[in-house]
Amino acid sequence: MRYCLALDLKDDAALIARYEEHHRRIWPEIAAHLRAHGVTGMEIYRLGTRMTMIMDTDDAVYDAAAMAQAMESDPKVQEWETLMWQFQAPTPWTPQGEKWVPMAKIFDLKAQ
């Protein structure tokens, strides 16, 4: 399955540069956490402060709720999330208490 999610960054060039630096080589524990929960591919794109994440998953393994629950009980993942939140900001459409939110697919060339 492919997911497309959105999140903003704080509008500060120095913070954005630091965020991108952290993503040039994420912590091995974070990569392991993603892979262990069925994430087979992940890309993040940025335009200004808006980010889009494309996430591919193995349907036989991926369970968003189980991944979120595991994240809550993993101190290293919590440390990463706390660090990342220094740079991130919710979009105007993000529900309270959430970060990355799913985007609605409005076009697919394959369906044309």
Protein backbone atom coordinates (compact mmCIF):
# COMPACT_ATOMS: atom_id res chain seq x y z
CA MET A 1 0.00 0.00 0.00
CA ARG A 2 1.15 3.54 -0.62
CA TYR A 3 0.36 6.39 1.74
CA CYS A 4 0.84 10.11 1.17
CA LEU A 5 1.03 12.28 4.28
CA ALA A 6 1.60 15.98 4.96
CA LEU A 7 3.29 17.98 7.71
CA ASP A 8 4.78 21.45 7.92
CA LEU A 9 8.09 22.74 9.18
CA LYS A 10 8.56 25.85 11.28
CA ASP A 11 9.31 28.79 9.00
CA ASP A 12 12.95 29.20 9.99
CA ALA A 13 15.73 28.56 7.47
CA ALA A 14 18.23 27.43 10.12
CA LEU A 15 15.75 24.95 11.63
CA ILE A 16 14.84 23.62 8.17
CA ALA A 17 18.53 23.10 7.39
CA ARG A 18 18.99 21.19 10.65
CA TYR A 19 15.91 19.07 9.96
CA GLU A 20 17.24 18.14 6.54
CA GLU A 21 20.64 17.34 8.03
CA HIS A 22 19.01 14.91 10.48
CA HIS A 23 17.33 13.19 7.54
CA ARG A 24 20.50 12.71 5.49
CA ARG A 25 21.18 9.79 7.83
CA ILE A 26 18.42 8.92 10.27
CA TRP A 27 19.21 7.00 13.41
CA PRO A 28 19.54 3.25 12.78
CA GLU A 29 16.93 2.55 15.47
CA ILE A 30 14.38 4.64 13.56
CA ALA A 31 15.05 2.84 10.28
CA ALA A 32 14.79 -0.50 12.10
CA HIS A 33 11.49 0.53 13.72
CA LEU A 34 10.00 1.49 10.36
CA ARG A 35 11.14 -1.70 8.65
CA ALA A 36 10.00 -3.91 11.54
CA HIS A 37 6.50 -2.51 11.14
CA GLY A 38 6.24 -3.16 7.42
CA VAL A 39 7.43 0.15 5.95
CA THR A 40 9.24 -0.89 2.77
CA GLY A 41 9.93 2.57 1.40
CA MET A 42 9.70 6.16 2.55
CA GLU A 43 10.49 9.46 0.86
CA ILE A 44 9.95 13.01 2.13
CA TYR A 45 9.68 15.98 -0.22
CA ARG A 46 9.65 19.66 0.77
CA LEU A 47 8.39 22.87 -0.82
CA GLY A 48 8.97 25.83 1.45
CA THR A 49 7.68 24.68 4.82
CA ARG A 50 5.24 22.03 3.50
CA MET A 51 6.43 18.43 3.48
CA THR A 52 4.94 15.41 1.75
CA MET A 53 5.84 11.88 2.80
CA ILE A 54 5.35 8.95 0.44
CA MET A 55 5.31 5.72 2.43
CA ASP A 56 5.10 2.24 0.91
CA THR A 57 4.14 -0.66 3.15
CA ASP A 58 3.89 -4.43 3.14
CA ASP A 59 0.17 -5.07 3.66
CA ALA A 60 0.90 -8.39 5.38
CA VAL A 61 2.89 -6.62 8.12
CA TYR A 62 1.90 -2.95 8.31
CA ASP A 63 -0.63 -1.94 10.95
CA ALA A 64 -0.72 1.80 11.71
CA ALA A 65 -2.20 1.33 15.18
CA ALA A 66 0.36 -1.31 16.16
CA MET A 67 3.19 0.87 14.84
CA ALA A 68 1.91 3.86 16.83
CA GLN A 69 1.61 1.75 19.97
CA ALA A 70 5.16 0.42 19.52
CA MET A 71 6.38 3.99 19.01
CA GLU A 72 4.89 5.01 22.37
CA SER A 73 6.79 2.28 24.20
CA ASP A 74 10.17 2.73 22.47
CA PRO A 75 12.36 5.33 24.22
CA LYS A 76 14.64 5.83 21.20
CA VAL A 77 11.69 6.46 18.86
CA GLN A 78 10.23 8.85 21.44
CA GLU A 79 13.56 10.67 21.62
CA TRP A 80 13.58 11.01 17.80
CA GLU A 81 9.99 12.25 17.72
CA THR A 82 10.70 14.82 20.43
CA LEU A 83 13.76 16.02 18.53
CA MET A 84 11.83 16.24 15.24
CA TRP A 85 8.98 18.21 16.83
CA GLN A 86 11.49 21.04 17.44
CA PHE A 87 11.44 21.57 13.66
CA GLN A 88 7.92 20.46 12.72
CA ALA A 89 4.59 22.24 12.85
CA PRO A 90 1.07 20.96 12.17
CA THR A 91 -0.61 21.96 8.93
CA PRO A 92 -3.70 24.18 9.28
CA TRP A 93 -5.78 21.00 8.70
CA THR A 94 -4.01 18.75 11.21
CA PRO A 95 -6.22 17.51 14.07
CA GLN A 96 -5.05 18.45 17.56
CA GLY A 97 -2.38 16.09 18.87
CA GLU A 98 -1.45 14.62 15.46
CA LYS A 99 1.57 15.18 13.22
CA TRP A 100 1.74 13.55 9.79
CA VAL A 101 -1.78 13.49 8.32
CA PRO A 102 -2.99 11.53 5.29
CA MET A 103 -3.56 13.45 2.07
CA ALA A 104 -6.50 12.65 -0.21
CA LYS A 105 -5.58 11.20 -3.59
CA ILE A 106 -7.33 13.27 -6.24
CA PHE A 107 -5.69 11.96 -9.42
CA ASP A 108 -4.11 8.75 -10.71
CA LEU A 109 -2.92 8.56 -14.30
CA LYS A 110 -3.25 4.77 -14.22
CA ALA A 111 -7.01 5.19 -13.83
CA GLN A 112 -7.31 7.36 -16.95
